[in-house]
Amino acid sequence: MAHREKRAWIMLVVAVVAYAVYVVTVVGRAGGRPLTEVPYAAALLWTVGASIVANIVAETAIGVVSPKASRAADVRDRQIGQLGDYVGQSFLVIGAVTAMLMAIAGWDRFWIANVIYLGFTLSAVLGSVAKIAMYRGRLPQW
């Protein structure tokens, strides 16, 4: 497995686990109250911070475990990275535009923050899935 494919797997797993932890934490705090009344900001910030640290630690661990693995990117690696980033960035834009429209419409800050976080998570997950699929299959030919 290529080093960049391992990085995509790490990003995928960390993003899914971090978002699941956040959702379980916030829903668990609700206890029958409306979600907009649940204190979510600290959980959101801690989850995002922990996922960044987990990603760095996992990538460092893979580097330590396989120090001789090639980190040089060939043309195929660069194309896969670029196409995967395009897929991921599209969901980031969709999340940002949705949050902007929600702010204009006067939605609660809870929903706006959660749409932005969901956009980041979908960007990481779908960008990673696209990269893994291209590593496992063929690059699209246009």
Foldseek 3Di string as FASTA:
>chain_A
DALVLVLLVLLQVLLVVLVVVLVCVQVVQCPPPPSLPTPRVVSVVVSVVVSVVSSVVVSVVVCVVCVPHDPDDDPLNVLLLVVLQVQLVVLLVVLVVVLVVCVVVPHRPVVSVVSNSVSNSSSSNSSSVSSNVCVVDPDDDD
